[in-house]
Amino acid sequence: MKDDDIDYSDIPELDADFFATARVVVPPGKKQVTVRLDRDVLAWLKAQGRGYQTRINAILRAYYEAHASRGARSRRGQD
């Protein structure tokens, strides 16, 4: 889809009030690590195209967010 194909008519303009209360949210920084993956898993991720490391991070983040509410119980060994 090209920008020209997008219908902006139902999106309100951002006015000065929006920018007066807006705040910048900086994503958490990245840390370089070494991880060993099964060959077939890595091959599948790479076969998806460029950005396989970003995809690994997205997969891990989704898992983390889905299970974060259980984190306190897990750390105590109750899960």
N, C-alpha and C. Protein backbone atom coordinates (compact mmCIF):
# COMPACT_ATOMS: atom_id res chain seq x y z
N MET A 1 0.85 -1.17 0.00
CA MET A 1 0.00 0.00 0.00
C MET A 1 0.89 1.24 0.00
N LYS A 2 0.56 2.17 -0.82
CA LYS A 2 1.32 3.41 -0.91
C LYS A 2 0.67 4.46 -0.01
N ASP A 3 1.43 5.46 0.38
CA ASP A 3 0.90 6.53 1.21
C ASP A 3 -0.32 7.20 0.58
N ASP A 4 -0.31 7.33 -0.73
CA ASP A 4 -1.43 7.97 -1.43
C ASP A 4 -2.73 7.17 -1.31
N ASP A 5 -2.62 5.87 -1.00
CA ASP A 5 -3.80 5.02 -0.89
C ASP A 5 -4.44 5.07 0.49
N ILE A 6 -3.82 5.73 1.44
CA ILE A 6 -4.32 5.78 2.81
C ILE A 6 -5.33 6.91 2.95
N ASP A 7 -6.48 6.59 3.55
CA ASP A 7 -7.52 7.59 3.79
C ASP A 7 -7.30 8.21 5.17
N TYR A 8 -6.88 9.44 5.21
CA TYR A 8 -6.60 10.14 6.46
C TYR A 8 -7.80 10.96 6.94
N SER A 9 -8.92 10.92 6.25
CA SER A 9 -10.04 11.81 6.54
C SER A 9 -10.64 11.60 7.93
N ASP A 10 -10.53 10.40 8.49
CA ASP A 10 -11.13 10.16 9.80
C ASP A 10 -10.11 10.24 10.94
N ILE A 11 -8.93 10.72 10.66
CA ILE A 11 -7.89 10.86 11.67
C ILE A 11 -7.79 12.34 12.05
N PRO A 12 -8.02 12.67 13.32
CA PRO A 12 -7.97 14.09 13.71
C PRO A 12 -6.55 14.64 13.62
N GLU A 13 -6.46 15.93 13.34
CA GLU A 13 -5.17 16.62 13.32
C GLU A 13 -4.61 16.67 14.73
N LEU A 14 -3.29 16.61 14.86
CA LEU A 14 -2.65 16.76 16.16
C LEU A 14 -2.46 18.25 16.41
N ASP A 15 -3.07 18.75 17.49
CA ASP A 15 -2.99 20.17 17.77
C ASP A 15 -1.97 20.45 18.87
N ALA A 16 -1.86 21.70 19.26
CA ALA A 16 -0.88 22.12 20.27
C ALA A 16 -1.13 21.45 21.61
N ASP A 17 -2.40 21.18 21.95
CA ASP A 17 -2.71 20.51 23.22
C ASP A 17 -2.09 19.11 23.27
N PHE A 18 -2.14 18.42 22.15
CA PHE A 18 -1.54 17.09 22.10
C PHE A 18 -0.05 17.17 22.41
N PHE A 19 0.64 18.08 21.74
CA PHE A 19 2.08 18.19 21.91
C PHE A 19 2.46 18.76 23.27
N ALA A 20 1.56 19.50 23.90
CA ALA A 20 1.84 20.06 25.23
C ALA A 20 1.89 18.95 26.28
N THR A 21 1.14 17.89 26.08
CA THR A 21 1.10 16.80 27.06
C THR A 21 1.81 15.54 26.59
N ALA A 22 2.27 15.54 25.35
CA ALA A 22 2.95 14.36 24.81
C ALA A 22 4.28 14.14 25.51
N ARG A 23 4.69 12.89 25.58
CA ARG A 23 6.00 12.59 26.15
C ARG A 23 6.69 11.54 25.29
N VAL A 24 7.97 11.61 25.27
CA VAL A 24 8.77 10.68 24.49
C VAL A 24 8.97 9.41 25.31
N VAL A 25 8.70 8.28 24.71
CA VAL A 25 8.92 7.00 25.37
C VAL A 25 10.10 6.33 24.67
N VAL A 26 11.19 6.19 25.39
CA VAL A 26 12.39 5.59 24.82
C VAL A 26 12.35 4.09 25.06
N PRO A 27 12.47 3.29 24.02
CA PRO A 27 12.46 1.84 24.22
C PRO A 27 13.70 1.41 25.00
N PRO A 28 13.59 0.30 25.70
CA PRO A 28 14.76 -0.17 26.45
C PRO A 28 15.91 -0.47 25.50
N GLY A 29 17.11 -0.27 25.99
CA GLY A 29 18.29 -0.53 25.17
C GLY A 29 18.48 -2.02 24.90
N LYS A 30 19.31 -2.31 23.97
CA LYS A 30 19.62 -3.70 23.62
C LYS A 30 20.95 -4.09 24.24
N LYS A 31 21.09 -5.37 24.55
CA LYS A 31 22.33 -5.91 25.07
C LYS A 31 22.76 -7.05 24.16
N GLN A 32 23.99 -7.02 23.74
CA GLN A 32 24.49 -8.07 22.87
C GLN A 32 24.76 -9.32 23.70
N VAL A 33 24.26 -10.46 23.22
CA VAL A 33 24.46 -11.74 23.89
C VAL A 33 24.81 -12.80 22.84
N THR A 34 25.30 -13.91 23.31
CA THR A 34 25.52 -15.07 22.45
C THR A 34 24.55 -16.14 22.90
N VAL A 35 23.86 -16.73 21.95
CA VAL A 35 22.88 -17.76 22.26
C VAL A 35 23.03 -18.89 21.25
N ARG A 36 22.86 -20.11 21.72
CA ARG A 36 22.94 -21.27 20.83
C ARG A 36 21.52 -21.71 20.48
N LEU A 37 21.27 -21.82 19.19
CA LEU A 37 19.96 -22.22 18.70
C LEU A 37 20.09 -23.51 17.91
N ASP A 38 19.04 -24.31 17.92
CA ASP A 38 19.03 -25.50 17.07
C ASP A 38 19.18 -25.06 15.62
N ARG A 39 19.91 -25.85 14.85
CA ARG A 39 20.19 -25.48 13.46
C ARG A 39 18.91 -25.29 12.65
N ASP A 40 17.95 -26.18 12.85
CA ASP A 40 16.72 -26.07 12.06
C ASP A 40 15.92 -24.83 12.44
N VAL A 41 15.95 -24.45 13.70
CA VAL A 41 15.26 -23.24 14.15
C VAL A 41 15.90 -22.01 13.52
N LEU A 42 17.23 -21.94 13.57
CA LEU A 42 17.94 -20.81 12.98
C LEU A 42 17.72 -20.75 11.47
N ALA A 43 17.75 -21.91 10.81
CA ALA A 43 17.53 -21.94 9.36
C ALA A 43 16.13 -21.42 9.03
N TRP A 44 15.14 -21.80 9.82
CA TRP A 44 13.77 -21.34 9.58
C TRP A 44 13.68 -19.83 9.76
N LEU A 45 14.28 -19.31 10.82
CA LEU A 45 14.25 -17.87 11.07
C LEU A 45 14.92 -17.10 9.94
N LYS A 46 16.07 -17.58 9.50
CA LYS A 46 16.78 -16.90 8.41
C LYS A 46 16.01 -17.00 7.09
N ALA A 47 15.29 -18.10 6.90
CA ALA A 47 14.52 -18.28 5.67
C ALA A 47 13.36 -17.29 5.57
N GLN A 48 12.99 -16.68 6.69
CA GLN A 48 11.90 -15.70 6.68
C GLN A 48 12.33 -14.38 6.05
N GLY A 49 13.62 -14.22 5.84
CA GLY A 49 14.12 -12.99 5.22
C GLY A 49 14.98 -12.20 6.18
N ARG A 50 15.35 -11.00 5.72
CA ARG A 50 16.22 -10.14 6.54
C ARG A 50 15.57 -9.85 7.89
N GLY A 51 16.42 -9.61 8.88
CA GLY A 51 15.93 -9.23 10.20
C GLY A 51 15.65 -10.40 11.13
N TYR A 52 16.34 -11.49 10.94
CA TYR A 52 16.04 -12.66 11.78
C TYR A 52 16.35 -12.39 13.25
N GLN A 53 17.35 -11.59 13.56
CA GLN A 53 17.65 -11.28 14.96
C GLN A 53 16.54 -10.44 15.57
N THR A 54 16.02 -9.51 14.81
CA THR A 54 14.88 -8.71 15.27
C THR A 54 13.68 -9.61 15.49
N ARG A 55 13.49 -10.59 14.61
CA ARG A 55 12.39 -11.53 14.76
C ARG A 55 12.56 -12.38 16.01
N ILE A 56 13.78 -12.83 16.29
CA ILE A 56 14.04 -13.59 17.52
C ILE A 56 13.66 -12.74 18.73
N ASN A 57 14.05 -11.47 18.73
CA ASN A 57 13.72 -10.58 19.84
C ASN A 57 12.20 -10.43 19.98
N ALA A 58 11.50 -10.28 18.87
CA ALA A 58 10.04 -10.13 18.91
C ALA A 58 9.37 -11.38 19.46
N ILE A 59 9.86 -12.55 19.06
CA ILE A 59 9.32 -13.81 19.56
C ILE A 59 9.54 -13.92 21.06
N LEU A 60 10.76 -13.62 21.50
CA LEU A 60 11.06 -13.69 22.93
C LEU A 60 10.26 -12.65 23.72
N ARG A 61 10.11 -11.45 23.18
CA ARG A 61 9.33 -10.41 23.86
C ARG A 61 7.88 -10.84 24.01
N ALA A 62 7.29 -11.40 22.96
CA ALA A 62 5.90 -11.86 23.02
C ALA A 62 5.74 -12.93 24.09
N TYR A 63 6.68 -13.85 24.16
CA TYR A 63 6.63 -14.90 25.19
C TYR A 63 6.76 -14.28 26.58
N TYR A 64 7.72 -13.38 26.71
CA TYR A 64 7.95 -12.70 27.99
C TYR A 64 6.69 -11.96 28.45
N GLU A 65 6.09 -11.18 27.55
CA GLU A 65 4.91 -10.40 27.93
C GLU A 65 3.72 -11.30 28.25
N ALA A 66 3.61 -12.42 27.57
CA ALA A 66 2.51 -13.35 27.84
C ALA A 66 2.67 -14.04 29.18
N HIS A 67 3.90 -14.16 29.65
CA HIS A 67 4.16 -14.89 30.88
C HIS A 67 4.64 -14.00 32.03
N ALA A 68 4.79 -12.71 31.81
CA ALA A 68 5.34 -11.81 32.83
C ALA A 68 4.49 -11.77 34.08
N SER A 69 3.18 -11.85 33.95
CA SER A 69 2.32 -11.79 35.13
C SER A 69 2.51 -13.00 36.03
N ARG A 70 3.02 -14.08 35.47
CA ARG A 70 3.30 -15.27 36.27
C ARG A 70 4.72 -15.27 36.81
N GLY A 71 5.49 -14.25 36.47
CA GLY A 71 6.90 -14.20 36.82
C GLY A 71 7.19 -14.32 38.29
N ALA A 72 6.43 -13.64 39.13
CA ALA A 72 6.68 -13.68 40.57
C ALA A 72 6.49 -15.09 41.10
N ARG A 73 5.44 -15.78 40.64
CA ARG A 73 5.21 -17.16 41.09
C ARG A 73 6.33 -18.07 40.61
N SER A 74 6.77 -17.88 39.36
CA SER A 74 7.80 -18.74 38.78
C SER A 74 9.10 -18.62 39.54
N ARG A 75 9.46 -17.39 39.93
CA ARG A 75 10.72 -17.20 40.64
C ARG A 75 10.70 -17.86 42.00
N ARG A 76 9.53 -18.04 42.56
CA ARG A 76 9.44 -18.71 43.86
C ARG A 76 9.30 -20.21 43.70
N GLY A 77 9.26 -20.70 42.47
CA GLY A 77 9.16 -22.13 42.24
C GLY A 77 7.76 -22.68 42.41
N GLN A 78 6.75 -21.84 42.32
CA GLN A 78 5.37 -22.29 42.53
C GLN A 78 4.64 -22.55 41.23
N ASP A 79 5.29 -22.34 40.11
CA ASP A 79 4.61 -22.50 38.82
C ASP A 79 4.78 -23.88 38.27
